Amino acid sequence: MAAPISPEHRALGRAVRELRVRRGLSQEQLGMASEIHRNYVGAIERGEINPTFRVLLKLERGLDLSLSRLLEVYERNVEEMTDQRGAT
């Protein structure tokens, strides 16, 4: 697979991974609940792909949370990454 697309894609991937782990789900379990392949879940978590809005909605269902909650965690990750870059 390709290298991460951008810091923002990595931040989204971290958000998906964090929320998945909080719910005690494997990538395979999240994939089944979201109706997407587990390898695709892994690629999202690594920031290697740009998921469509449709995929985000599927993740929302699979994680059993609102899309706004996923985006809140994403935004927190972006802020943390920005702070870390500014501190170096």
PDB file of N, CA and C in Angstrom:
ATOM      1  N   MET A   1       0.836  -1.192   0.000  1.00  0.00           N
ATOM      2  CA  MET A   1       0.000   0.000   0.000  1.00  0.00           C
ATOM      3  C   MET A   1       0.875   1.247   0.000  1.00  0.00           C
ATOM      4  N   ALA A   2       0.291   2.340  -0.373  1.00  0.00           N
ATOM      5  CA  ALA A   2       1.000   3.605  -0.458  1.00  0.00           C
ATOM      6  C   ALA A   2       1.251   4.188   0.930  1.00  0.00           C
ATOM      7  N   ALA A   3       2.138   5.147   0.966  1.00  0.00           N
ATOM      8  CA  ALA A   3       2.418   5.863   2.210  1.00  0.00           C
ATOM      9  C   ALA A   3       1.189   6.685   2.595  1.00  0.00           C
ATOM     10  N   PRO A   4       1.119   7.115   3.859  1.00  0.00           N
ATOM     11  CA  PRO A   4      -0.026   7.926   4.280  1.00  0.00           C
ATOM     12  C   PRO A   4      -0.256   9.108   3.342  1.00  0.00           C
ATOM     13  N   ILE A   5      -1.517   9.398   3.116  1.00  0.00           N
ATOM     14  CA  ILE A   5      -1.882  10.471   2.203  1.00  0.00           C
ATOM     15  C   ILE A   5      -1.536  11.831   2.804  1.00  0.00           C
ATOM     16  N   SER A   6      -1.869  12.026   4.062  1.00  0.00           N
ATOM     17  CA  SER A   6      -1.626  13.315   4.711  1.00  0.00           C
ATOM     18  C   SER A   6      -1.726  13.131   6.224  1.00  0.00           C
ATOM     19  N   PRO A   7      -1.264  14.123   6.977  1.00  0.00           N
ATOM     20  CA  PRO A   7      -1.440  14.063   8.435  1.00  0.00           C
ATOM     21  C   PRO A   7      -2.911  13.950   8.827  1.00  0.00           C
ATOM     22  N   GLU A   8      -3.775  14.558   8.055  1.00  0.00           N
ATOM     23  CA  GLU A   8      -5.201  14.502   8.357  1.00  0.00           C
ATOM     24  C   GLU A   8      -5.746  13.086   8.198  1.00  0.00           C
ATOM     25  N   HIS A   9      -5.273  12.365   7.186  1.00  0.00           N
ATOM     26  CA  HIS A   9      -5.701  10.980   6.997  1.00  0.00           C
ATOM     27  C   HIS A   9      -5.186  10.107   8.139  1.00  0.00           C
ATOM     28  N   ARG A  10      -3.964  10.382   8.592  1.00  0.00           N
ATOM     29  CA  ARG A  10      -3.437   9.648   9.750  1.00  0.00           C
ATOM     30  C   ARG A  10      -4.275   9.944  10.985  1.00  0.00           C
ATOM     31  N   ALA A  11      -4.700  11.211  11.153  1.00  0.00           N
ATOM     32  CA  ALA A  11      -5.526  11.587  12.308  1.00  0.00           C
ATOM     33  C   ALA A  11      -6.878  10.884  12.262  1.00  0.00           C
ATOM     34  N   LEU A  12      -7.459  10.766  11.087  1.00  0.00           N
ATOM     35  CA  LEU A  12      -8.722  10.046  10.955  1.00  0.00           C
ATOM     36  C   LEU A  12      -8.518   8.568  11.288  1.00  0.00           C
ATOM     37  N   GLY A  13      -7.440   8.000  10.791  1.00  0.00           N
ATOM     38  CA  GLY A  13      -7.141   6.609  11.084  1.00  0.00           C
ATOM     39  C   GLY A  13      -6.957   6.364  12.572  1.00  0.00           C
ATOM     40  N   ARG A  14      -6.273   7.262  13.235  1.00  0.00           N
ATOM     41  CA  ARG A  14      -6.098   7.145  14.688  1.00  0.00           C
ATOM     42  C   ARG A  14      -7.439   7.212  15.400  1.00  0.00           C
ATOM     43  N   ALA A  15      -8.334   8.066  14.907  1.00  0.00           N
ATOM     44  CA  ALA A  15      -9.664   8.186  15.523  1.00  0.00           C
ATOM     45  C   ALA A  15     -10.448   6.886  15.370  1.00  0.00           C
ATOM     46  N   VAL A  16     -10.421   6.304  14.178  1.00  0.00           N
ATOM     47  CA  VAL A  16     -11.134   5.050  13.954  1.00  0.00           C
ATOM     48  C   VAL A  16     -10.556   3.963  14.850  1.00  0.00           C
ATOM     49  N   ARG A  17      -9.225   3.874  14.889  1.00  0.00           N
ATOM     50  CA  ARG A  17      -8.581   2.845  15.724  1.00  0.00           C
ATOM     51  C   ARG A  17      -8.931   3.034  17.198  1.00  0.00           C
ATOM     52  N   GLU A  18      -8.832   4.267  17.679  1.00  0.00           N
ATOM     53  CA  GLU A  18      -9.135   4.549  19.088  1.00  0.00           C
ATOM     54  C   GLU A  18     -10.565   4.143  19.445  1.00  0.00           C
ATOM     55  N   LEU A  19     -11.501   4.523  18.621  1.00  0.00           N
ATOM     56  CA  LEU A  19     -12.907   4.207  18.908  1.00  0.00           C
ATOM     57  C   LEU A  19     -13.185   2.711  18.780  1.00  0.00           C
ATOM     58  N   ARG A  20     -12.521   2.067  17.825  1.00  0.00           N
ATOM     59  CA  ARG A  20     -12.678   0.615  17.667  1.00  0.00           C
ATOM     60  C   ARG A  20     -12.155  -0.113  18.903  1.00  0.00           C
ATOM     61  N   VAL A  21     -10.979   0.282  19.357  1.00  0.00           N
ATOM     62  CA  VAL A  21     -10.370  -0.370  20.517  1.00  0.00           C
ATOM     63  C   VAL A  21     -11.201  -0.117  21.772  1.00  0.00           C
ATOM     64  N   ARG A  22     -11.694   1.105  21.934  1.00  0.00           N
ATOM     65  CA  ARG A  22     -12.559   1.410  23.083  1.00  0.00           C
ATOM     66  C   ARG A  22     -13.767   0.496  23.150  1.00  0.00           C
ATOM     67  N   ARG A  23     -14.251   0.077  21.990  1.00  0.00           N
ATOM     68  CA  ARG A  23     -15.430  -0.791  21.939  1.00  0.00           C
ATOM     69  C   ARG A  23     -15.060  -2.272  21.978  1.00  0.00           C
ATOM     70  N   GLY A  24     -13.759  -2.542  22.063  1.00  0.00           N
ATOM     71  CA  GLY A  24     -13.312  -3.928  22.159  1.00  0.00           C
ATOM     72  C   GLY A  24     -13.483  -4.717  20.879  1.00  0.00           C
ATOM     73  N   LEU A  25     -13.418  -4.036  19.745  1.00  0.00           N
ATOM     74  CA  LEU A  25     -13.611  -4.685  18.453  1.00  0.00           C
ATOM     75  C   LEU A  25     -12.284  -4.911  17.755  1.00  0.00           C
ATOM     76  N   SER A  26     -12.167  -6.033  17.080  1.00  0.00           N
ATOM     77  CA  SER A  26     -11.032  -6.248  16.180  1.00  0.00           C
ATOM     78  C   SER A  26     -11.347  -5.534  14.861  1.00  0.00           C
ATOM     79  N   GLN A  27     -10.327  -5.427  14.013  1.00  0.00           N
ATOM     80  CA  GLN A  27     -10.583  -4.856  12.686  1.00  0.00           C
ATOM     81  C   GLN A  27     -11.581  -5.715  11.928  1.00  0.00           C
ATOM     82  N   GLU A  28     -11.472  -7.007  12.087  1.00  0.00           N
ATOM     83  CA  GLU A  28     -12.397  -7.910  11.406  1.00  0.00           C
ATOM     84  C   GLU A  28     -13.828  -7.708  11.907  1.00  0.00           C
ATOM     85  N   GLN A  29     -14.004  -7.588  13.225  1.00  0.00           N
ATOM     86  CA  GLN A  29     -15.340  -7.374  13.783  1.00  0.00           C
ATOM     87  C   GLN A  29     -15.921  -6.041  13.310  1.00  0.00           C
ATOM     88  N   LEU A  30     -15.095  -5.001  13.299  1.00  0.00           N
ATOM     89  CA  LEU A  30     -15.588  -3.706  12.818  1.00  0.00           C
ATOM     90  C   LEU A  30     -15.937  -3.793  11.345  1.00  0.00           C
ATOM     91  N   GLY A  31     -15.107  -4.479  10.580  1.00  0.00           N
ATOM     92  CA  GLY A  31     -15.404  -4.642   9.158  1.00  0.00           C
ATOM     93  C   GLY A  31     -16.734  -5.337   8.931  1.00  0.00           C
ATOM     94  N   MET A  32     -16.972  -6.413   9.689  1.00  0.00           N
ATOM     95  CA  MET A  32     -18.241  -7.136   9.544  1.00  0.00           C
ATOM     96  C   MET A  32     -19.416  -6.250   9.943  1.00  0.00           C
ATOM     97  N   ALA A  33     -19.281  -5.522  11.055  1.00  0.00           N
ATOM     98  CA  ALA A  33     -20.375  -4.663  11.516  1.00  0.00           C
ATOM     99  C   ALA A  33     -20.614  -3.496  10.566  1.00  0.00           C
ATOM    100  N   SER A  34     -19.558  -3.069   9.875  1.00  0.00           N
ATOM    101  CA  SER A  34     -19.646  -1.926   8.967  1.00  0.00           C
ATOM    102  C   SER A  34     -19.897  -2.328   7.525  1.00  0.00           C
ATOM    103  N   GLU A  35     -19.840  -3.642   7.273  1.00  0.00           N
ATOM    104  CA  GLU A  35     -19.986  -4.165   5.915  1.00  0.00           C
ATOM    105  C   GLU A  35     -18.891  -3.652   4.984  1.00  0.00           C
ATOM    106  N   ILE A  36     -17.651  -3.601   5.523  1.00  0.00           N
ATOM    107  CA  ILE A  36     -16.479  -3.292   4.707  1.00  0.00           C
ATOM    108  C   ILE A  36     -15.398  -4.320   5.063  1.00  0.00           C
ATOM    109  N   HIS A  37     -14.481  -4.556   4.176  1.00  0.00           N
ATOM    110  CA  HIS A  37     -13.456  -5.572   4.395  1.00  0.00           C
ATOM    111  C   HIS A  37     -12.494  -5.137   5.495  1.00  0.00           C
ATOM    112  N   ARG A  38     -12.029  -6.099   6.286  1.00  0.00           N
ATOM    113  CA  ARG A  38     -11.134  -5.787   7.401  1.00  0.00           C
ATOM    114  C   ARG A  38      -9.836  -5.153   6.912  1.00  0.00           C
ATOM    115  N   ASN A  39      -9.378  -5.537   5.714  1.00  0.00           N
ATOM    116  CA  ASN A  39      -8.168  -4.914   5.167  1.00  0.00           C
ATOM    117  C   ASN A  39      -8.396  -3.434   4.879  1.00  0.00           C
ATOM    118  N   TYR A  40      -9.606  -3.096   4.490  1.00  0.00           N
ATOM    119  CA  TYR A  40      -9.953  -1.694   4.231  1.00  0.00           C
ATOM    120  C   TYR A  40      -9.965  -0.922   5.545  1.00  0.00           C
ATOM    121  N   VAL A  41     -10.477  -1.544   6.610  1.00  0.00           N
ATOM    122  CA  VAL A  41     -10.446  -0.918   7.941  1.00  0.00           C
ATOM    123  C   VAL A  41      -8.995  -0.635   8.324  1.00  0.00           C
ATOM    124  N   GLY A  42      -8.116  -1.610   8.116  1.00  0.00           N
ATOM    125  CA  GLY A  42      -6.705  -1.431   8.437  1.00  0.00           C
ATOM    126  C   GLY A  42      -6.071  -0.306   7.636  1.00  0.00           C
ATOM    127  N   ALA A  43      -6.405  -0.217   6.358  1.00  0.00           N
ATOM    128  CA  ALA A  43      -5.854   0.844   5.515  1.00  0.00           C
ATOM    129  C   ALA A  43      -6.335   2.216   5.976  1.00  0.00           C
ATOM    130  N   ILE A  44      -7.589   2.305   6.410  1.00  0.00           N
ATOM    131  CA  ILE A  44      -8.099   3.566   6.954  1.00  0.00           C
ATOM    132  C   ILE A  44      -7.322   3.922   8.209  1.00  0.00           C
ATOM    133  N   GLU A  45      -7.155   2.943   9.100  1.00  0.00           N
ATOM    134  CA  GLU A  45      -6.471   3.194  10.361  1.00  0.00           C
ATOM    135  C   GLU A  45      -5.017   3.609  10.151  1.00  0.00           C
ATOM    136  N   ARG A  46      -4.398   3.140   9.088  1.00  0.00           N
ATOM    137  CA  ARG A  46      -3.012   3.520   8.790  1.00  0.00           C
ATOM    138  C   ARG A  46      -2.927   4.828   8.012  1.00  0.00           C
ATOM    139  N   GLY A  47      -4.071   5.389   7.627  1.00  0.00           N
ATOM    140  CA  GLY A  47      -4.082   6.643   6.876  1.00  0.00           C
ATOM    141  C   GLY A  47      -3.652   6.486   5.437  1.00  0.00           C
ATOM    142  N   GLU A  48      -3.798   5.282   4.903  1.00  0.00           N
ATOM    143  CA  GLU A  48      -3.336   4.998   3.550  1.00  0.00           C
ATOM    144  C   GLU A  48      -4.360   5.319   2.469  1.00  0.00           C
ATOM    145  N   ILE A  49      -5.604   5.466   2.851  1.00  0.00           N
ATOM    146  CA  ILE A  49      -6.651   5.710   1.850  1.00  0.00           C
ATOM    147  C   ILE A  49      -7.545   6.862   2.296  1.00  0.00           C
ATOM    148  N   ASN A  50      -8.297   7.344   1.345  1.00  0.00           N
ATOM    149  CA  ASN A  50      -9.218   8.445   1.578  1.00  0.00           C
ATOM    150  C   ASN A  50     -10.640   7.873   1.547  1.00  0.00           C
ATOM    151  N   PRO A  51     -11.210   7.533   2.724  1.00  0.00           N
ATOM    152  CA  PRO A  51     -12.542   6.912   2.710  1.00  0.00           C
ATOM    153  C   PRO A  51     -13.612   7.882   2.238  1.00  0.00           C
ATOM    154  N   THR A  52     -14.570   7.351   1.534  1.00  0.00           N
ATOM    155  CA  THR A  52     -15.686   8.165   1.061  1.00  0.00           C
ATOM    156  C   THR A  52     -16.650   8.452   2.215  1.00  0.00           C
ATOM    157  N   PHE A  53     -17.554   9.350   1.979  1.00  0.00           N
ATOM    158  CA  PHE A  53     -18.591   9.662   2.960  1.00  0.00           C
ATOM    159  C   PHE A  53     -19.420   8.406   3.241  1.00  0.00           C
ATOM    160  N   ARG A  54     -19.692   7.630   2.216  1.00  0.00           N
ATOM    161  CA  ARG A  54     -20.454   6.389   2.379  1.00  0.00           C
ATOM    162  C   ARG A  54     -19.734   5.442   3.342  1.00  0.00           C
ATOM    163  N   VAL A  55     -18.420   5.333   3.224  1.00  0.00           N
ATOM    164  CA  VAL A  55     -17.645   4.473   4.126  1.00  0.00           C
ATOM    165  C   VAL A  55     -17.679   5.038   5.543  1.00  0.00           C
ATOM    166  N   LEU A  56     -17.575   6.349   5.693  1.00  0.00           N
ATOM    167  CA  LEU A  56     -17.664   6.955   7.027  1.00  0.00           C
ATOM    168  C   LEU A  56     -19.012   6.632   7.678  1.00  0.00           C
ATOM    169  N   LEU A  57     -20.066   6.650   6.886  1.00  0.00           N
ATOM    170  CA  LEU A  57     -21.386   6.300   7.420  1.00  0.00           C
ATOM    171  C   LEU A  57     -21.437   4.836   7.837  1.00  0.00           C
ATOM    172  N   LYS A  58     -20.775   3.978   7.080  1.00  0.00           N
ATOM    173  CA  LYS A  58     -20.724   2.563   7.452  1.00  0.00           C
ATOM    174  C   LYS A  58     -19.937   2.382   8.751  1.00  0.00           C
ATOM    175  N   LEU A  59     -18.847   3.127   8.902  1.00  0.00           N
ATOM    176  CA  LEU A  59     -18.071   3.058  10.146  1.00  0.00           C
ATOM    177  C   LEU A  59     -18.886   3.574  11.321  1.00  0.00           C
ATOM    178  N   GLU A  60     -19.655   4.612  11.084  1.00  0.00           N
ATOM    179  CA  GLU A  60     -20.539   5.149  12.120  1.00  0.00           C
ATOM    180  C   GLU A  60     -21.456   4.039  12.636  1.00  0.00           C
ATOM    181  N   ARG A  61     -22.028   3.296  11.718  1.00  0.00           N
ATOM    182  CA  ARG A  61     -22.923   2.188  12.078  1.00  0.00           C
ATOM    183  C   ARG A  61     -22.155   1.081  12.806  1.00  0.00           C
ATOM    184  N   GLY A  62     -21.004   0.730  12.266  1.00  0.00           N
ATOM    185  CA  GLY A  62     -20.216  -0.343  12.847  1.00  0.00           C
ATOM    186  C   GLY A  62     -19.672  -0.017  14.229  1.00  0.00           C
ATOM    187  N   LEU A  63     -19.363   1.251  14.449  1.00  0.00           N
ATOM    188  CA  LEU A  63     -18.852   1.686  15.754  1.00  0.00           C
ATOM    189  C   LEU A  63     -19.976   2.035  16.717  1.00  0.00           C
ATOM    190  N   ASP A  64     -21.192   2.095  16.192  1.00  0.00           N
ATOM    191  CA  ASP A  64     -22.369   2.430  16.993  1.00  0.00           C
ATOM    192  C   ASP A  64     -22.200   3.770  17.692  1.00  0.00           C
ATOM    193  N   LEU A  65     -21.868   4.771  16.875  1.00  0.00           N
ATOM    194  CA  LEU A  65     -21.750   6.131  17.388  1.00  0.00           C
ATOM    195  C   LEU A  65     -22.097   7.109  16.278  1.00  0.00           C
ATOM    196  N   SER A  66     -22.220   8.347  16.635  1.00  0.00           N
ATOM    197  CA  SER A  66     -22.559   9.358  15.630  1.00  0.00           C
ATOM    198  C   SER A  66     -21.311   9.740  14.838  1.00  0.00           C
ATOM    199  N   LEU A  67     -21.523  10.149  13.616  1.00  0.00           N
ATOM    200  CA  LEU A  67     -20.430  10.623  12.789  1.00  0.00           C
ATOM    201  C   LEU A  67     -19.780  11.842  13.442  1.00  0.00           C
ATOM    202  N   SER A  68     -20.568  12.655  14.109  1.00  0.00           N
ATOM    203  CA  SER A  68     -20.004  13.831  14.782  1.00  0.00           C
ATOM    204  C   SER A  68     -19.023  13.413  15.873  1.00  0.00           C
ATOM    205  N   ARG A  69     -19.271  12.289  16.551  1.00  0.00           N
ATOM    206  CA  ARG A  69     -18.334  11.805  17.581  1.00  0.00           C
ATOM    207  C   ARG A  69     -17.026  11.361  16.937  1.00  0.00           C
ATOM    208  N   LEU A  70     -17.115  10.664  15.818  1.00  0.00           N
ATOM    209  CA  LEU A  70     -15.912  10.269  15.097  1.00  0.00           C
ATOM    210  C   LEU A  70     -15.112  11.508  14.694  1.00  0.00           C
ATOM    211  N   LEU A  71     -15.797  12.528  14.217  1.00  0.00           N
ATOM    212  CA  LEU A  71     -15.117  13.746  13.797  1.00  0.00           C
ATOM    213  C   LEU A  71     -14.542  14.525  14.982  1.00  0.00           C
ATOM    214  N   GLU A  72     -15.183  14.450  16.134  1.00  0.00           N
ATOM    215  CA  GLU A  72     -14.627  15.082  17.340  1.00  0.00           C
ATOM    216  C   GLU A  72     -13.273  14.470  17.685  1.00  0.00           C
ATOM    217  N   VAL A  73     -13.201  13.149  17.654  1.00  0.00           N
ATOM    218  CA  VAL A  73     -11.944  12.465  17.966  1.00  0.00           C
ATOM    219  C   VAL A  73     -10.906  12.790  16.890  1.00  0.00           C
ATOM    220  N   TYR A  74     -11.321  12.822  15.639  1.00  0.00           N
ATOM    221  CA  TYR A  74     -10.435  13.217  14.538  1.00  0.00           C
ATOM    222  C   TYR A  74      -9.872  14.619  14.784  1.00  0.00           C
ATOM    223  N   GLU A  75     -10.735  15.568  15.103  1.00  0.00           N
ATOM    224  CA  GLU A  75     -10.293  16.948  15.315  1.00  0.00           C
ATOM    225  C   GLU A  75      -9.315  17.053  16.485  1.00  0.00           C
ATOM    226  N   ARG A  76      -9.571  16.292  17.541  1.00  0.00           N
ATOM    227  CA  ARG A  76      -8.643  16.281  18.675  1.00  0.00           C
ATOM    228  C   ARG A  76      -7.282  15.764  18.224  1.00  0.00           C
ATOM    229  N   ASN A  77      -7.270  14.725  17.412  1.00  0.00           N
ATOM    230  CA  ASN A  77      -6.018  14.177  16.910  1.00  0.00           C
ATOM    231  C   ASN A  77      -5.277  15.181  16.040  1.00  0.00           C
ATOM    232  N   VAL A  78      -5.996  15.901  15.196  1.00  0.00           N
ATOM    233  CA  VAL A  78      -5.363  16.921  14.350  1.00  0.00           C
ATOM    234  C   VAL A  78      -4.731  17.994  15.230  1.00  0.00           C
ATOM    235  N   GLU A  79      -5.457  18.432  16.250  1.00  0.00           N
ATOM    236  CA  GLU A  79      -4.911  19.449  17.157  1.00  0.00           C
ATOM    237  C   GLU A  79      -3.655  18.945  17.854  1.00  0.00           C
ATOM    238  N   GLU A  80      -3.683  17.704  18.329  1.00  0.00           N
ATOM    239  CA  GLU A  80      -2.517  17.130  18.999  1.00  0.00           C
ATOM    240  C   GLU A  80      -1.331  17.053  18.048  1.00  0.00           C
ATOM    241  N   MET A  81      -1.573  16.646  16.824  1.00  0.00           N
ATOM    242  CA  MET A  81      -0.492  16.564  15.838  1.00  0.00           C
ATOM    243  C   MET A  81       0.073  17.939  15.520  1.00  0.00           C
ATOM    244  N   THR A  82      -0.802  18.938  15.448  1.00  0.00           N
ATOM    245  CA  THR A  82      -0.374  20.300  15.179  1.00  0.00           C
ATOM    246  C   THR A  82       0.468  20.828  16.345  1.00  0.00           C
ATOM    247  N   ASP A  83       0.005  20.550  17.568  1.00  0.00           N
ATOM    248  CA  ASP A  83       0.752  20.966  18.752  1.00  0.00           C
ATOM    249  C   ASP A  83       2.123  20.320  18.787  1.00  0.00           C
ATOM    250  N   GLN A  84       2.199  19.039  18.428  1.00  0.00           N
ATOM    251  CA  GLN A  84       3.475  18.329  18.430  1.00  0.00           C
ATOM    252  C   GLN A  84       4.431  18.897  17.382  1.00  0.00           C
ATOM    253  N   ARG A  85       3.908  19.252  16.233  1.00  0.00           N
ATOM    254  CA  ARG A  85       4.756  19.838  15.197  1.00  0.00           C
ATOM    255  C   ARG A  85       5.261  21.206  15.623  1.00  0.00           C
ATOM    256  N   GLY A  86       4.390  21.957  16.329  1.00  0.00           N
ATOM    257  CA  GLY A  86       4.787  23.280  16.787  1.00  0.00           C
ATOM    258  C   GLY A  86       5.804  23.237  17.907  1.00  0.00           C
ATOM    259  N   ALA A  87       5.842  22.120  18.641  1.00  0.00           N
ATOM    260  CA  ALA A  87       6.753  21.993  19.788  1.00  0.00           C
ATOM    261  C   ALA A  87       8.138  21.562  19.359  1.00  0.00           C
ATOM    262  N   THR A  88       8.294  21.125  18.110  1.00  0.00           N
ATOM    263  CA  THR A  88       9.612  20.664  17.662  1.00  0.00           C
ATOM    264  C   THR A  88      10.408  21.745  17.014  1.00  0.00           C
TER     265      THR A  88
END
